[in-house]
Amino acid sequence: MSIRLAVGILLIALGLWVVSGRALYTSKKEVLRIGDLKAAVDEEHALPKWIGVVAVLAGGAVLFTAGRRGA
């Protein structure tokens, strides 16, 4: 298995994972500050779906070029 083939498959798999809505990241938001007293909330956000679409397309392009080079 060539490295290009592995990278293409990995990009497609990660892209599908993002598109499915399972790729999350957490951010901390300060909601209250009175003097030295602080209150913060952790918020979970999903990665934008367009990032997954770009990864799937890039993975397809890598697989396409890997197939053409092998032929």
PDB file of N, CA and C in Angstrom:
ATOM      1  N   MET A   1       0.858  -1.179   0.000  1.00  0.00           N
ATOM      2  CA  MET A   1       0.000   0.000   0.000  1.00  0.00           C
ATOM      3  C   MET A   1       0.900   1.235   0.000  1.00  0.00           C
ATOM      4  N   SER A   2       0.670   2.105  -0.954  1.00  0.00           N
ATOM      5  CA  SER A   2       1.490   3.309  -1.031  1.00  0.00           C
ATOM      6  C   SER A   2       1.025   4.344  -0.006  1.00  0.00           C
ATOM      7  N   ILE A   3       1.889   5.282   0.265  1.00  0.00           N
ATOM      8  CA  ILE A   3       1.564   6.340   1.235  1.00  0.00           C
ATOM      9  C   ILE A   3       0.421   7.202   0.702  1.00  0.00           C
ATOM     10  N   ARG A   4       0.413   7.461  -0.589  1.00  0.00           N
ATOM     11  CA  ARG A   4      -0.670   8.280  -1.156  1.00  0.00           C
ATOM     12  C   ARG A   4      -2.030   7.608  -0.986  1.00  0.00           C
ATOM     13  N   LEU A   5      -2.063   6.326  -1.173  1.00  0.00           N
ATOM     14  CA  LEU A   5      -3.310   5.586  -1.001  1.00  0.00           C
ATOM     15  C   LEU A   5      -3.785   5.671   0.453  1.00  0.00           C
ATOM     16  N   ALA A   6      -2.865   5.505   1.398  1.00  0.00           N
ATOM     17  CA  ALA A   6      -3.214   5.586   2.816  1.00  0.00           C
ATOM     18  C   ALA A   6      -3.685   6.986   3.194  1.00  0.00           C
ATOM     19  N   VAL A   7      -3.017   8.014   2.683  1.00  0.00           N
ATOM     20  CA  VAL A   7      -3.412   9.401   2.981  1.00  0.00           C
ATOM     21  C   VAL A   7      -4.790   9.686   2.399  1.00  0.00           C
ATOM     22  N   GLY A   8      -5.047   9.229   1.184  1.00  0.00           N
ATOM     23  CA  GLY A   8      -6.352   9.440   0.567  1.00  0.00           C
ATOM     24  C   GLY A   8      -7.475   8.787   1.353  1.00  0.00           C
ATOM     25  N   ILE A   9      -7.261   7.553   1.771  1.00  0.00           N
ATOM     26  CA  ILE A   9      -8.276   6.846   2.558  1.00  0.00           C
ATOM     27  C   ILE A   9      -8.490   7.532   3.898  1.00  0.00           C
ATOM     28  N   LEU A  10      -7.401   7.969   4.541  1.00  0.00           N
ATOM     29  CA  LEU A  10      -7.503   8.664   5.825  1.00  0.00           C
ATOM     30  C   LEU A  10      -8.265   9.980   5.692  1.00  0.00           C
ATOM     31  N   LEU A  11      -7.987  10.748   4.647  1.00  0.00           N
ATOM     32  CA  LEU A  11      -8.708  12.008   4.434  1.00  0.00           C
ATOM     33  C   LEU A  11     -10.202  11.771   4.218  1.00  0.00           C
ATOM     34  N   ILE A  12     -10.535  10.762   3.451  1.00  0.00           N
ATOM     35  CA  ILE A  12     -11.950  10.461   3.211  1.00  0.00           C
ATOM     36  C   ILE A  12     -12.629  10.034   4.508  1.00  0.00           C
ATOM     37  N   ALA A  13     -11.975   9.187   5.293  1.00  0.00           N
ATOM     38  CA  ALA A  13     -12.566   8.729   6.555  1.00  0.00           C
ATOM     39  C   ALA A  13     -12.766   9.892   7.527  1.00  0.00           C
ATOM     40  N   LEU A  14     -11.758  10.738   7.671  1.00  0.00           N
ATOM     41  CA  LEU A  14     -11.896  11.891   8.563  1.00  0.00           C
ATOM     42  C   LEU A  14     -12.953  12.868   8.058  1.00  0.00           C
ATOM     43  N   GLY A  15     -13.019  13.051   6.759  1.00  0.00           N
ATOM     44  CA  GLY A  15     -14.030  13.936   6.190  1.00  0.00           C
ATOM     45  C   GLY A  15     -15.439  13.434   6.454  1.00  0.00           C
ATOM     46  N   LEU A  16     -15.646  12.137   6.311  1.00  0.00           N
ATOM     47  CA  LEU A  16     -16.969  11.569   6.595  1.00  0.00           C
ATOM     48  C   LEU A  16     -17.309  11.691   8.078  1.00  0.00           C
ATOM     49  N   TRP A  17     -16.311  11.567   8.942  1.00  0.00           N
ATOM     50  CA  TRP A  17     -16.516  11.719  10.378  1.00  0.00           C
ATOM     51  C   TRP A  17     -16.965  13.140  10.709  1.00  0.00           C
ATOM     52  N   VAL A  18     -16.352  14.126  10.063  1.00  0.00           N
ATOM     53  CA  VAL A  18     -16.736  15.527  10.291  1.00  0.00           C
ATOM     54  C   VAL A  18     -18.132  15.792   9.739  1.00  0.00           C
ATOM     55  N   VAL A  19     -18.419  15.304   8.545  1.00  0.00           N
ATOM     56  CA  VAL A  19     -19.726  15.537   7.928  1.00  0.00           C
ATOM     57  C   VAL A  19     -20.847  14.902   8.752  1.00  0.00           C
ATOM     58  N   SER A  20     -20.553  13.784   9.400  1.00  0.00           N
ATOM     59  CA  SER A  20     -21.576  13.120  10.211  1.00  0.00           C
ATOM     60  C   SER A  20     -21.918  13.898  11.477  1.00  0.00           C
ATOM     61  N   GLY A  21     -21.129  14.907  11.820  1.00  0.00           N
ATOM     62  CA  GLY A  21     -21.422  15.746  12.978  1.00  0.00           C
ATOM     63  C   GLY A  21     -20.829  15.237  14.276  1.00  0.00           C
ATOM     64  N   ARG A  22     -19.913  14.292  14.216  1.00  0.00           N
ATOM     65  CA  ARG A  22     -19.336  13.715  15.431  1.00  0.00           C
ATOM     66  C   ARG A  22     -18.031  14.382  15.850  1.00  0.00           C
ATOM     67  N   ALA A  23     -17.503  15.270  15.029  1.00  0.00           N
ATOM     68  CA  ALA A  23     -16.249  15.952  15.352  1.00  0.00           C
ATOM     69  C   ALA A  23     -16.582  17.204  16.167  1.00  0.00           C
ATOM     70  N   LEU A  24     -16.238  17.183  17.437  1.00  0.00           N
ATOM     71  CA  LEU A  24     -16.569  18.281  18.340  1.00  0.00           C
ATOM     72  C   LEU A  24     -15.311  18.885  18.929  1.00  0.00           C
ATOM     73  N   TYR A  25     -15.412  20.165  19.275  1.00  0.00           N
ATOM     74  CA  TYR A  25     -14.360  20.815  20.044  1.00  0.00           C
ATOM     75  C   TYR A  25     -15.023  21.638  21.136  1.00  0.00           C
ATOM     76  N   THR A  26     -14.288  21.912  22.201  1.00  0.00           N
ATOM     77  CA  THR A  26     -14.826  22.610  23.352  1.00  0.00           C
ATOM     78  C   THR A  26     -14.168  23.978  23.477  1.00  0.00           C
ATOM     79  N   SER A  27     -14.977  24.978  23.787  1.00  0.00           N
ATOM     80  CA  SER A  27     -14.450  26.309  24.067  1.00  0.00           C
ATOM     81  C   SER A  27     -14.973  26.766  25.429  1.00  0.00           C
ATOM     82  N   LYS A  28     -14.179  27.582  26.069  1.00  0.00           N
ATOM     83  CA  LYS A  28     -14.546  28.093  27.382  1.00  0.00           C
ATOM     84  C   LYS A  28     -14.999  29.542  27.221  1.00  0.00           C
ATOM     85  N   LYS A  29     -16.165  29.867  27.769  1.00  0.00           N
ATOM     86  CA  LYS A  29     -16.726  31.212  27.648  1.00  0.00           C
ATOM     87  C   LYS A  29     -16.959  31.771  29.052  1.00  0.00           C
ATOM     88  N   GLU A  30     -16.419  32.947  29.289  1.00  0.00           N
ATOM     89  CA  GLU A  30     -16.613  33.598  30.583  1.00  0.00           C
ATOM     90  C   GLU A  30     -17.983  34.269  30.586  1.00  0.00           C
ATOM     91  N   VAL A  31     -18.834  33.890  31.540  1.00  0.00           N
ATOM     92  CA  VAL A  31     -20.196  34.415  31.563  1.00  0.00           C
ATOM     93  C   VAL A  31     -20.414  35.447  32.661  1.00  0.00           C
ATOM     94  N   LEU A  32     -19.546  35.453  33.686  1.00  0.00           N
ATOM     95  CA  LEU A  32     -19.723  36.390  34.797  1.00  0.00           C
ATOM     96  C   LEU A  32     -18.369  36.715  35.387  1.00  0.00           C
ATOM     97  N   ARG A  33     -18.160  38.012  35.641  1.00  0.00           N
ATOM     98  CA  ARG A  33     -16.924  38.442  36.294  1.00  0.00           C
ATOM     99  C   ARG A  33     -17.244  39.620  37.196  1.00  0.00           C
ATOM    100  N   ILE A  34     -17.084  39.396  38.475  1.00  0.00           N
ATOM    101  CA  ILE A  34     -17.294  40.447  39.464  1.00  0.00           C
ATOM    102  C   ILE A  34     -16.049  40.481  40.339  1.00  0.00           C
ATOM    103  N   GLY A  35     -15.205  41.460  40.123  1.00  0.00           N
ATOM    104  CA  GLY A  35     -13.953  41.534  40.866  1.00  0.00           C
ATOM    105  C   GLY A  35     -13.089  40.327  40.566  1.00  0.00           C
ATOM    106  N   ASP A  36     -12.707  39.589  41.606  1.00  0.00           N
ATOM    107  CA  ASP A  36     -11.898  38.386  41.434  1.00  0.00           C
ATOM    108  C   ASP A  36     -12.742  37.142  41.188  1.00  0.00           C
ATOM    109  N   LEU A  37     -14.049  37.258  41.291  1.00  0.00           N
ATOM    110  CA  LEU A  37     -14.951  36.135  41.084  1.00  0.00           C
ATOM    111  C   LEU A  37     -15.235  35.970  39.588  1.00  0.00           C
ATOM    112  N   LYS A  38     -14.994  34.762  39.085  1.00  0.00           N
ATOM    113  CA  LYS A  38     -15.227  34.480  37.666  1.00  0.00           C
ATOM    114  C   LYS A  38     -16.085  33.233  37.542  1.00  0.00           C
ATOM    115  N   ALA A  39     -16.966  33.228  36.561  1.00  0.00           N
ATOM    116  CA  ALA A  39     -17.761  32.045  36.231  1.00  0.00           C
ATOM    117  C   ALA A  39     -17.613  31.800  34.729  1.00  0.00           C
ATOM    118  N   ALA A  40     -17.299  30.558  34.382  1.00  0.00           N
ATOM    119  CA  ALA A  40     -17.100  30.205  32.972  1.00  0.00           C
ATOM    120  C   ALA A  40     -17.915  28.961  32.636  1.00  0.00           C
ATOM    121  N   VAL A  41     -18.242  28.853  31.362  1.00  0.00           N
ATOM    122  CA  VAL A  41     -19.020  27.726  30.857  1.00  0.00           C
ATOM    123  C   VAL A  41     -18.247  27.095  29.701  1.00  0.00           C
ATOM    124  N   ASP A  42     -18.203  25.764  29.687  1.00  0.00           N
ATOM    125  CA  ASP A  42     -17.619  25.040  28.555  1.00  0.00           C
ATOM    126  C   ASP A  42     -18.722  24.780  27.532  1.00  0.00           C
ATOM    127  N   GLU A  43     -18.459  25.176  26.286  1.00  0.00           N
ATOM    128  CA  GLU A  43     -19.433  24.974  25.211  1.00  0.00           C
ATOM    129  C   GLU A  43     -18.849  24.017  24.188  1.00  0.00           C
ATOM    130  N   GLU A  44     -19.652  23.046  23.746  1.00  0.00           N
ATOM    131  CA  GLU A  44     -19.232  22.127  22.691  1.00  0.00           C
ATOM    132  C   GLU A  44     -19.761  22.622  21.355  1.00  0.00           C
ATOM    133  N   HIS A  45     -18.890  22.562  20.358  1.00  0.00           N
ATOM    134  CA  HIS A  45     -19.249  22.989  19.006  1.00  0.00           C
ATOM    135  C   HIS A  45     -18.864  21.886  18.026  1.00  0.00           C
ATOM    136  N   ALA A  46     -19.648  21.720  17.001  1.00  0.00           N
ATOM    137  CA  ALA A  46     -19.309  20.789  15.926  1.00  0.00           C
ATOM    138  C   ALA A  46     -18.476  21.524  14.883  1.00  0.00           C
ATOM    139  N   LEU A  47     -17.533  20.811  14.286  1.00  0.00           N
ATOM    140  CA  LEU A  47     -16.780  21.407  13.193  1.00  0.00           C
ATOM    141  C   LEU A  47     -17.725  21.666  12.022  1.00  0.00           C
ATOM    142  N   PRO A  48     -17.501  22.730  11.271  1.00  0.00           N
ATOM    143  CA  PRO A  48     -18.363  23.000  10.113  1.00  0.00           C
ATOM    144  C   PRO A  48     -18.313  21.857   9.097  1.00  0.00           C
ATOM    145  N   LYS A  49     -19.442  21.553   8.522  1.00  0.00           N
ATOM    146  CA  LYS A  49     -19.537  20.424   7.590  1.00  0.00           C
ATOM    147  C   LYS A  49     -18.714  20.652   6.325  1.00  0.00           C
ATOM    148  N   TRP A  50     -18.508  21.904   5.945  1.00  0.00           N
ATOM    149  CA  TRP A  50     -17.747  22.166   4.728  1.00  0.00           C
ATOM    150  C   TRP A  50     -16.301  21.682   4.866  1.00  0.00           C
ATOM    151  N   ILE A  51     -15.781  21.644   6.094  1.00  0.00           N
ATOM    152  CA  ILE A  51     -14.424  21.129   6.296  1.00  0.00           C
ATOM    153  C   ILE A  51     -14.384  19.645   5.943  1.00  0.00           C
ATOM    154  N   GLY A  52     -15.415  18.906   6.339  1.00  0.00           N
ATOM    155  CA  GLY A  52     -15.493  17.494   5.996  1.00  0.00           C
ATOM    156  C   GLY A  52     -15.622  17.261   4.508  1.00  0.00           C
ATOM    157  N   VAL A  53     -16.420  18.095   3.853  1.00  0.00           N
ATOM    158  CA  VAL A  53     -16.591  17.968   2.396  1.00  0.00           C
ATOM    159  C   VAL A  53     -15.266  18.215   1.689  1.00  0.00           C
ATOM    160  N   VAL A  54     -14.528  19.230   2.132  1.00  0.00           N
ATOM    161  CA  VAL A  54     -13.225  19.518   1.532  1.00  0.00           C
ATOM    162  C   VAL A  54     -12.263  18.347   1.749  1.00  0.00           C
ATOM    163  N   ALA A  55     -12.286  17.755   2.936  1.00  0.00           N
ATOM    164  CA  ALA A  55     -11.407  16.613   3.220  1.00  0.00           C
ATOM    165  C   ALA A  55     -11.756  15.414   2.341  1.00  0.00           C
ATOM    166  N   VAL A  56     -13.049  15.157   2.142  1.00  0.00           N
ATOM    167  CA  VAL A  56     -13.461  14.039   1.282  1.00  0.00           C
ATOM    168  C   VAL A  56     -13.019  14.289  -0.164  1.00  0.00           C
ATOM    169  N   LEU A  57     -13.207  15.505  -0.642  1.00  0.00           N
ATOM    170  CA  LEU A  57     -12.786  15.827  -2.006  1.00  0.00           C
ATOM    171  C   LEU A  57     -11.268  15.736  -2.161  1.00  0.00           C
ATOM    172  N   ALA A  58     -10.534  16.219  -1.163  1.00  0.00           N
ATOM    173  CA  ALA A  58      -9.068  16.137  -1.216  1.00  0.00           C
ATOM    174  C   ALA A  58      -8.619  14.676  -1.185  1.00  0.00           C
ATOM    175  N   GLY A  59      -9.266  13.862  -0.357  1.00  0.00           N
ATOM    176  CA  GLY A  59      -8.932  12.439  -0.314  1.00  0.00           C
ATOM    177  C   GLY A  59      -9.206  11.753  -1.639  1.00  0.00           C
ATOM    178  N   GLY A  60     -10.323  12.120  -2.278  1.00  0.00           N
ATOM    179  CA  GLY A  60     -10.628  11.565  -3.600  1.00  0.00           C
ATOM    180  C   GLY A  60      -9.597  11.972  -4.639  1.00  0.00           C
ATOM    181  N   ALA A  61      -9.158  13.224  -4.569  1.00  0.00           N
ATOM    182  CA  ALA A  61      -8.128  13.690  -5.505  1.00  0.00           C
ATOM    183  C   ALA A  61      -6.805  12.963  -5.294  1.00  0.00           C
ATOM    184  N   VAL A  62      -6.456  12.738  -4.019  1.00  0.00           N
ATOM    185  CA  VAL A  62      -5.221  12.010  -3.729  1.00  0.00           C
ATOM    186  C   VAL A  62      -5.320  10.577  -4.239  1.00  0.00           C
ATOM    187  N   LEU A  63      -6.448   9.919  -4.030  1.00  0.00           N
ATOM    188  CA  LEU A  63      -6.631   8.560  -4.528  1.00  0.00           C
ATOM    189  C   LEU A  63      -6.584   8.514  -6.042  1.00  0.00           C
ATOM    190  N   PHE A  64      -7.183   9.516  -6.686  1.00  0.00           N
ATOM    191  CA  PHE A  64      -7.194   9.573  -8.150  1.00  0.00           C
ATOM    192  C   PHE A  64      -5.767   9.697  -8.687  1.00  0.00           C
ATOM    193  N   THR A  65      -4.985  10.589  -8.079  1.00  0.00           N
ATOM    194  CA  THR A  65      -3.602  10.766  -8.555  1.00  0.00           C
ATOM    195  C   THR A  65      -2.749   9.552  -8.217  1.00  0.00           C
ATOM    196  N   ALA A  66      -3.013   8.904  -7.092  1.00  0.00           N
ATOM    197  CA  ALA A  66      -2.258   7.698  -6.736  1.00  0.00           C
ATOM    198  C   ALA A  66      -2.556   6.583  -7.725  1.00  0.00           C
ATOM    199  N   GLY A  67      -3.802   6.478  -8.173  1.00  0.00           N
ATOM    200  CA  GLY A  67      -4.172   5.460  -9.150  1.00  0.00           C
ATOM    201  C   GLY A  67      -3.574   5.732 -10.510  1.00  0.00           C
ATOM    202  N   ARG A  68      -3.513   6.988 -10.908  1.00  0.00           N
ATOM    203  CA  ARG A  68      -2.949   7.325 -12.225  1.00  0.00           C
ATOM    204  C   ARG A  68      -1.442   7.136 -12.240  1.00  0.00           C
ATOM    205  N   ARG A  69      -0.784   7.394 -11.145  1.00  0.00           N
ATOM    206  CA  ARG A  69       0.674   7.210 -11.099  1.00  0.00           C
ATOM    207  C   ARG A  69       1.043   5.733 -11.118  1.00  0.00           C
ATOM    208  N   GLY A  70       0.189   4.914 -10.522  1.00  0.00           N
ATOM    209  CA  GLY A  70       0.473   3.480 -10.479  1.00  0.00           C
ATOM    210  C   GLY A  70       0.253   2.792 -11.815  1.00  0.00           C
ATOM    211  N   ALA A  71      -0.545   3.399 -12.683  1.00  0.00           N
ATOM    212  CA  ALA A  71      -0.885   2.761 -13.971  1.00  0.00           C
ATOM    213  C   ALA A  71       0.182   2.982 -15.011  1.00  0.00           C
TER     214      ALA A  71
END
